[in-house]
Amino acid sequence: MMNNLNWYHSLNLPFLTPPDEIFTPVWIVMYVILFLSFVIFLMTKSFYNKTYAVINFLLQLTANLLWGLVFFTYKSILGGLLLVIIMWILTIIIMFQFHKISKISAYLLIPYLLWISFALYLNLSIFVLN
């Protein structure tokens, strides 16, 4: 992993890139929020079908988990950018789907959407700068 961080630090990074120490605690909070939102959504009784929302949530989570592998292990800035775009789009879709069943679940995703938006800015900037 250290070699991958050396690669990352050798890139031209955007001005608003936070220090490395920020990423782990923020991601922990984001994953807690993400899973709390999902559990509340699943536990909410509704006559709406939850299948597509669950599928989209799992696709978004898969894209999220693949990002680190693609960006750091395979050192693919473009691949990482495409995954962040997919994550952003799916998060918007999930928020609308969750909102039909549990407004709390949808609103809990706002900080996650903001963080993904910031990640999109960072990844796009790295792509442009390199």
N, C-alpha and C. Protein backbone atom coordinates (compact mmCIF):
# COMPACT_ATOMS: atom_id res chain seq x y z
N MET A 1 0.83 -1.21 0.00
CA MET A 1 0.00 0.00 0.00
C MET A 1 0.87 1.26 0.00
N MET A 2 2.00 1.20 0.69
CA MET A 2 2.88 2.37 0.76
C MET A 2 3.34 2.80 -0.62
N ASN A 3 3.65 1.85 -1.48
CA ASN A 3 4.06 2.16 -2.84
C ASN A 3 2.94 2.90 -3.58
N ASN A 4 1.69 2.49 -3.31
CA ASN A 4 0.55 3.15 -3.95
C ASN A 4 0.37 4.57 -3.43
N LEU A 5 0.65 4.79 -2.15
CA LEU A 5 0.59 6.15 -1.61
C LEU A 5 1.71 7.01 -2.18
N ASN A 6 2.88 6.41 -2.40
CA ASN A 6 3.96 7.15 -3.05
C ASN A 6 3.53 7.58 -4.45
N TRP A 7 2.88 6.68 -5.18
CA TRP A 7 2.36 7.00 -6.51
C TRP A 7 1.35 8.15 -6.40
N TYR A 8 0.42 8.04 -5.45
CA TYR A 8 -0.60 9.07 -5.26
C TYR A 8 0.04 10.43 -4.97
N HIS A 9 1.03 10.45 -4.09
CA HIS A 9 1.68 11.72 -3.72
C HIS A 9 2.58 12.26 -4.84
N SER A 10 2.90 11.42 -5.81
CA SER A 10 3.68 11.90 -6.95
C SER A 10 2.80 12.60 -7.98
N LEU A 11 1.49 12.48 -7.83
CA LEU A 11 0.56 13.11 -8.77
C LEU A 11 0.42 14.60 -8.46
N ASN A 12 -0.01 15.36 -9.45
CA ASN A 12 -0.39 16.75 -9.22
C ASN A 12 -1.78 16.72 -8.58
N LEU A 13 -1.86 17.14 -7.34
CA LEU A 13 -3.12 17.09 -6.59
C LEU A 13 -3.78 18.47 -6.55
N PRO A 14 -5.11 18.50 -6.54
CA PRO A 14 -5.81 19.79 -6.50
C PRO A 14 -5.58 20.51 -5.18
N PHE A 15 -5.80 21.80 -5.21
CA PHE A 15 -5.57 22.69 -4.08
C PHE A 15 -6.34 22.25 -2.83
N LEU A 16 -7.56 21.76 -2.98
CA LEU A 16 -8.40 21.42 -1.83
C LEU A 16 -8.21 19.98 -1.34
N THR A 17 -7.16 19.31 -1.76
CA THR A 17 -6.92 17.94 -1.31
C THR A 17 -6.65 17.95 0.19
N PRO A 18 -7.47 17.22 0.96
CA PRO A 18 -7.24 17.17 2.40
C PRO A 18 -6.02 16.31 2.74
N PRO A 19 -5.49 16.45 3.96
CA PRO A 19 -4.39 15.59 4.39
C PRO A 19 -4.86 14.12 4.45
N ASP A 20 -3.93 13.20 4.28
CA ASP A 20 -4.26 11.77 4.29
C ASP A 20 -5.02 11.35 5.54
N GLU A 21 -4.70 11.95 6.68
CA GLU A 21 -5.30 11.56 7.96
C GLU A 21 -6.81 11.81 8.01
N ILE A 22 -7.32 12.63 7.11
CA ILE A 22 -8.74 12.98 7.11
C ILE A 22 -9.58 11.86 6.49
N PHE A 23 -9.04 11.18 5.50
CA PHE A 23 -9.84 10.25 4.70
C PHE A 23 -10.40 9.07 5.51
N THR A 24 -9.59 8.42 6.31
CA THR A 24 -10.07 7.23 7.03
C THR A 24 -11.21 7.56 7.99
N PRO A 25 -11.08 8.57 8.88
CA PRO A 25 -12.21 8.84 9.78
C PRO A 25 -13.47 9.29 9.04
N VAL A 26 -13.31 10.07 7.98
CA VAL A 26 -14.49 10.51 7.24
C VAL A 26 -15.17 9.32 6.58
N TRP A 27 -14.39 8.42 5.98
CA TRP A 27 -14.99 7.25 5.35
C TRP A 27 -15.67 6.35 6.37
N ILE A 28 -15.12 6.23 7.56
CA ILE A 28 -15.78 5.43 8.60
C ILE A 28 -17.14 6.01 8.91
N VAL A 29 -17.20 7.32 9.10
CA VAL A 29 -18.48 7.99 9.36
C VAL A 29 -19.43 7.80 8.17
N MET A 30 -18.93 7.93 6.96
CA MET A 30 -19.78 7.78 5.77
C MET A 30 -20.35 6.36 5.68
N TYR A 31 -19.53 5.35 5.97
CA TYR A 31 -20.03 3.97 5.93
C TYR A 31 -21.06 3.72 7.02
N VAL A 32 -20.88 4.29 8.20
CA VAL A 32 -21.88 4.16 9.26
C VAL A 32 -23.19 4.78 8.81
N ILE A 33 -23.12 5.99 8.27
CA ILE A 33 -24.32 6.67 7.78
C ILE A 33 -24.98 5.86 6.67
N LEU A 34 -24.19 5.38 5.74
CA LEU A 34 -24.70 4.61 4.61
C LEU A 34 -25.45 3.37 5.09
N PHE A 35 -24.84 2.62 5.99
CA PHE A 35 -25.48 1.39 6.46
C PHE A 35 -26.66 1.67 7.39
N LEU A 36 -26.59 2.72 8.17
CA LEU A 36 -27.73 3.11 9.01
C LEU A 36 -28.93 3.47 8.12
N SER A 37 -28.68 4.23 7.10
CA SER A 37 -29.73 4.59 6.15
C SER A 37 -30.34 3.35 5.52
N PHE A 38 -29.49 2.41 5.13
CA PHE A 38 -29.95 1.18 4.48
C PHE A 38 -30.77 0.32 5.44
N VAL A 39 -30.32 0.18 6.66
CA VAL A 39 -31.06 -0.63 7.64
C VAL A 39 -32.42 -0.01 7.94
N ILE A 40 -32.45 1.30 8.13
CA ILE A 40 -33.73 1.99 8.37
C ILE A 40 -34.66 1.77 7.19
N PHE A 41 -34.12 1.91 5.98
CA PHE A 41 -34.91 1.68 4.77
C PHE A 41 -35.49 0.27 4.76
N LEU A 42 -34.65 -0.72 5.02
CA LEU A 42 -35.10 -2.12 4.99
C LEU A 42 -36.15 -2.41 6.06
N MET A 43 -36.04 -1.78 7.22
CA MET A 43 -36.95 -2.05 8.33
C MET A 43 -38.28 -1.30 8.22
N THR A 44 -38.33 -0.31 7.36
CA THR A 44 -39.55 0.48 7.21
C THR A 44 -40.59 -0.32 6.44
N LYS A 45 -41.77 -0.44 7.03
CA LYS A 45 -42.86 -1.15 6.35
C LYS A 45 -43.42 -0.25 5.26
N SER A 46 -43.65 -0.85 4.09
CA SER A 46 -44.13 -0.07 2.95
C SER A 46 -44.80 -0.99 1.95
N PHE A 47 -45.75 -0.43 1.21
CA PHE A 47 -46.37 -1.20 0.14
C PHE A 47 -45.58 -1.07 -1.16
N TYR A 48 -44.58 -0.18 -1.17
CA TYR A 48 -43.71 -0.05 -2.33
C TYR A 48 -42.73 -1.22 -2.40
N ASN A 49 -42.39 -1.61 -3.60
CA ASN A 49 -41.39 -2.66 -3.82
C ASN A 49 -40.00 -2.06 -3.55
N LYS A 50 -39.20 -2.74 -2.75
CA LYS A 50 -37.88 -2.25 -2.39
C LYS A 50 -36.76 -2.85 -3.25
N THR A 51 -37.10 -3.75 -4.14
CA THR A 51 -36.09 -4.52 -4.88
C THR A 51 -35.12 -3.63 -5.65
N TYR A 52 -35.61 -2.69 -6.44
CA TYR A 52 -34.72 -1.87 -7.26
C TYR A 52 -33.83 -0.97 -6.40
N ALA A 53 -34.38 -0.47 -5.31
CA ALA A 53 -33.57 0.36 -4.41
C ALA A 53 -32.45 -0.47 -3.78
N VAL A 54 -32.75 -1.70 -3.40
CA VAL A 54 -31.72 -2.58 -2.82
C VAL A 54 -30.65 -2.89 -3.86
N ILE A 55 -31.07 -3.20 -5.08
CA ILE A 55 -30.11 -3.49 -6.16
C ILE A 55 -29.22 -2.27 -6.41
N ASN A 56 -29.82 -1.09 -6.50
CA ASN A 56 -29.04 0.13 -6.74
C ASN A 56 -28.10 0.43 -5.58
N PHE A 57 -28.57 0.18 -4.35
CA PHE A 57 -27.71 0.38 -3.19
C PHE A 57 -26.49 -0.54 -3.27
N LEU A 58 -26.72 -1.81 -3.60
CA LEU A 58 -25.62 -2.77 -3.68
C LEU A 58 -24.68 -2.45 -4.85
N LEU A 59 -25.22 -1.96 -5.95
CA LEU A 59 -24.36 -1.54 -7.08
C LEU A 59 -23.51 -0.34 -6.68
N GLN A 60 -24.12 0.61 -5.97
CA GLN A 60 -23.39 1.79 -5.52
C GLN A 60 -22.30 1.38 -4.54
N LEU A 61 -22.61 0.48 -3.62
CA LEU A 61 -21.63 0.02 -2.65
C LEU A 61 -20.49 -0.73 -3.35
N THR A 62 -20.82 -1.52 -4.36
CA THR A 62 -19.80 -2.24 -5.12
C THR A 62 -18.87 -1.26 -5.82
N ALA A 63 -19.44 -0.23 -6.46
CA ALA A 63 -18.62 0.79 -7.12
C ALA A 63 -17.73 1.49 -6.09
N ASN A 64 -18.28 1.77 -4.92
CA ASN A 64 -17.53 2.41 -3.85
C ASN A 64 -16.34 1.56 -3.44
N LEU A 65 -16.58 0.28 -3.22
CA LEU A 65 -15.50 -0.62 -2.78
C LEU A 65 -14.47 -0.87 -3.88
N LEU A 66 -14.89 -0.84 -5.13
CA LEU A 66 -13.97 -1.04 -6.24
C LEU A 66 -13.07 0.17 -6.49
N TRP A 67 -13.54 1.35 -6.07
CA TRP A 67 -12.79 2.57 -6.37
C TRP A 67 -11.35 2.49 -5.87
N GLY A 68 -11.15 2.11 -4.61
CA GLY A 68 -9.80 2.04 -4.06
C GLY A 68 -8.91 1.08 -4.83
N LEU A 69 -9.48 -0.05 -5.21
CA LEU A 69 -8.73 -1.05 -5.99
C LEU A 69 -8.33 -0.47 -7.35
N VAL A 70 -9.27 0.13 -8.03
CA VAL A 70 -9.01 0.67 -9.37
C VAL A 70 -8.06 1.85 -9.31
N PHE A 71 -8.30 2.78 -8.38
CA PHE A 71 -7.50 3.99 -8.33
C PHE A 71 -6.10 3.71 -7.78
N PHE A 72 -6.00 3.06 -6.63
CA PHE A 72 -4.70 2.89 -5.98
C PHE A 72 -3.94 1.66 -6.47
N THR A 73 -4.60 0.51 -6.59
CA THR A 73 -3.89 -0.71 -6.98
C THR A 73 -3.56 -0.70 -8.46
N TYR A 74 -4.57 -0.39 -9.29
CA TYR A 74 -4.33 -0.38 -10.74
C TYR A 74 -3.86 0.99 -11.24
N LYS A 75 -3.85 1.97 -10.34
CA LYS A 75 -3.38 3.33 -10.66
C LYS A 75 -4.09 3.91 -11.89
N SER A 76 -5.40 3.67 -11.91
CA SER A 76 -6.21 4.15 -13.03
C SER A 76 -7.04 5.36 -12.57
N ILE A 77 -6.57 6.53 -12.93
CA ILE A 77 -7.28 7.76 -12.57
C ILE A 77 -8.62 7.82 -13.30
N LEU A 78 -8.62 7.47 -14.59
CA LEU A 78 -9.86 7.48 -15.37
C LEU A 78 -10.85 6.45 -14.84
N GLY A 79 -10.37 5.25 -14.54
CA GLY A 79 -11.25 4.21 -13.99
C GLY A 79 -11.87 4.66 -12.67
N GLY A 80 -11.05 5.29 -11.81
CA GLY A 80 -11.57 5.81 -10.56
C GLY A 80 -12.61 6.89 -10.78
N LEU A 81 -12.34 7.76 -11.75
CA LEU A 81 -13.28 8.83 -12.08
C LEU A 81 -14.62 8.26 -12.54
N LEU A 82 -14.57 7.27 -13.41
CA LEU A 82 -15.82 6.64 -13.89
C LEU A 82 -16.59 6.01 -12.73
N LEU A 83 -15.89 5.38 -11.81
CA LEU A 83 -16.56 4.77 -10.66
C LEU A 83 -17.19 5.82 -9.74
N VAL A 84 -16.50 6.95 -9.54
CA VAL A 84 -17.07 8.01 -8.71
C VAL A 84 -18.32 8.59 -9.37
N ILE A 85 -18.30 8.74 -10.68
CA ILE A 85 -19.48 9.24 -11.39
C ILE A 85 -20.64 8.26 -11.22
N ILE A 86 -20.36 6.97 -11.34
CA ILE A 86 -21.40 5.94 -11.14
C ILE A 86 -21.93 6.01 -9.71
N MET A 87 -21.03 6.15 -8.74
CA MET A 87 -21.44 6.26 -7.34
C MET A 87 -22.34 7.47 -7.12
N TRP A 88 -21.97 8.58 -7.70
CA TRP A 88 -22.74 9.82 -7.54
C TRP A 88 -24.14 9.66 -8.12
N ILE A 89 -24.21 9.15 -9.34
CA ILE A 89 -25.51 8.96 -10.00
C ILE A 89 -26.38 7.98 -9.21
N LEU A 90 -25.80 6.84 -8.81
CA LEU A 90 -26.57 5.85 -8.07
C LEU A 90 -27.01 6.39 -6.71
N THR A 91 -26.21 7.22 -6.08
CA THR A 91 -26.60 7.80 -4.79
C THR A 91 -27.82 8.69 -4.96
N ILE A 92 -27.85 9.49 -6.01
CA ILE A 92 -29.02 10.33 -6.30
C ILE A 92 -30.26 9.45 -6.51
N ILE A 93 -30.10 8.41 -7.31
CA ILE A 93 -31.22 7.49 -7.58
C ILE A 93 -31.70 6.84 -6.28
N ILE A 94 -30.77 6.37 -5.48
CA ILE A 94 -31.11 5.72 -4.21
C ILE A 94 -31.85 6.69 -3.30
N MET A 95 -31.40 7.93 -3.25
CA MET A 95 -32.07 8.91 -2.40
C MET A 95 -33.53 9.08 -2.80
N PHE A 96 -33.81 9.14 -4.10
CA PHE A 96 -35.19 9.24 -4.55
C PHE A 96 -35.98 7.98 -4.22
N GLN A 97 -35.36 6.82 -4.41
CA GLN A 97 -36.03 5.56 -4.12
C GLN A 97 -36.28 5.40 -2.62
N PHE A 98 -35.29 5.74 -1.80
CA PHE A 98 -35.45 5.65 -0.36
C PHE A 98 -36.52 6.63 0.14
N HIS A 99 -36.56 7.81 -0.47
CA HIS A 99 -37.49 8.85 -0.03
C HIS A 99 -38.94 8.39 -0.11
N LYS A 100 -39.28 7.54 -1.08
CA LYS A 100 -40.64 7.02 -1.21
C LYS A 100 -41.04 6.19 0.00
N ILE A 101 -40.07 5.56 0.63
CA ILE A 101 -40.34 4.61 1.70
C ILE A 101 -39.95 5.17 3.07
N SER A 102 -38.81 5.86 3.13
CA SER A 102 -38.32 6.41 4.40
C SER A 102 -37.57 7.71 4.13
N LYS A 103 -38.21 8.79 4.48
CA LYS A 103 -37.57 10.09 4.29
C LYS A 103 -36.28 10.18 5.12
N ILE A 104 -36.29 9.61 6.31
CA ILE A 104 -35.09 9.62 7.16
C ILE A 104 -33.93 8.95 6.44
N SER A 105 -34.18 7.80 5.83
CA SER A 105 -33.12 7.10 5.09
C SER A 105 -32.56 7.97 3.98
N ALA A 106 -33.44 8.64 3.27
CA ALA A 106 -32.99 9.50 2.17
C ALA A 106 -32.17 10.68 2.70
N TYR A 107 -32.65 11.33 3.75
CA TYR A 107 -31.96 12.50 4.29
C TYR A 107 -30.61 12.13 4.92
N LEU A 108 -30.52 10.93 5.48
CA LEU A 108 -29.24 10.47 6.04
C LEU A 108 -28.15 10.39 4.97
N LEU A 109 -28.56 10.23 3.72
CA LEU A 109 -27.59 10.10 2.64
C LEU A 109 -27.04 11.44 2.15
N ILE A 110 -27.57 12.55 2.64
CA ILE A 110 -27.08 13.86 2.18
C ILE A 110 -25.59 14.05 2.48
N PRO A 111 -25.09 13.77 3.70
CA PRO A 111 -23.64 13.93 3.91
C PRO A 111 -22.81 13.01 3.01
N TYR A 112 -23.32 11.81 2.75
CA TYR A 112 -22.62 10.89 1.86
C TYR A 112 -22.57 11.45 0.44
N LEU A 113 -23.69 12.00 -0.03
CA LEU A 113 -23.72 12.60 -1.36
C LEU A 113 -22.74 13.77 -1.44
N LEU A 114 -22.68 14.58 -0.40
CA LEU A 114 -21.74 15.70 -0.38
C LEU A 114 -20.29 15.21 -0.42
N TRP A 115 -19.99 14.14 0.32
CA TRP A 115 -18.64 13.59 0.33
C TRP A 115 -18.30 12.99 -1.03
N ILE A 116 -19.26 12.28 -1.64
CA ILE A 116 -19.04 11.71 -2.97
C ILE A 116 -18.85 12.85 -3.99
N SER A 117 -19.57 13.94 -3.82
CA SER A 117 -19.40 15.10 -4.71
C SER A 117 -17.99 15.66 -4.58
N PHE A 118 -17.50 15.73 -3.34
CA PHE A 118 -16.13 16.20 -3.12
C PHE A 118 -15.12 15.21 -3.72
N ALA A 119 -15.38 13.92 -3.55
CA ALA A 119 -14.51 12.89 -4.15
C ALA A 119 -14.52 13.01 -5.67
N LEU A 120 -15.67 13.33 -6.24
CA LEU A 120 -15.77 13.53 -7.68
C LEU A 120 -14.91 14.72 -8.11
N TYR A 121 -15.00 15.81 -7.37
CA TYR A 121 -14.15 16.98 -7.64
C TYR A 121 -12.67 16.60 -7.59
N LEU A 122 -12.27 15.89 -6.52
CA LEU A 122 -10.86 15.51 -6.37
C LEU A 122 -10.41 14.62 -7.51
N ASN A 123 -11.20 13.59 -7.81
CA ASN A 123 -10.81 12.63 -8.86
C ASN A 123 -10.77 13.31 -10.23
N LEU A 124 -11.76 14.16 -10.52
CA LEU A 124 -11.78 14.87 -11.80
C LEU A 124 -10.57 15.81 -11.89
N SER A 125 -10.28 16.51 -10.80
CA SER A 125 -9.13 17.42 -10.79
C SER A 125 -7.82 16.66 -11.01
N ILE A 126 -7.67 15.53 -10.35
CA ILE A 126 -6.46 14.72 -10.53
C ILE A 126 -6.35 14.26 -11.97
N PHE A 127 -7.48 13.87 -12.55
CA PHE A 127 -7.49 13.45 -13.96
C PHE A 127 -7.03 14.60 -14.87
N VAL A 128 -7.57 15.79 -14.64
CA VAL A 128 -7.23 16.95 -15.47
C VAL A 128 -5.78 17.37 -15.27
N LEU A 129 -5.34 17.36 -14.02
CA LEU A 129 -3.97 17.83 -13.70
C LEU A 129 -2.88 16.85 -14.10
N ASN A 130 -3.24 15.61 -14.36
CA ASN A 130 -2.23 14.61 -14.67
C ASN A 130 -2.46 14.03 -16.06
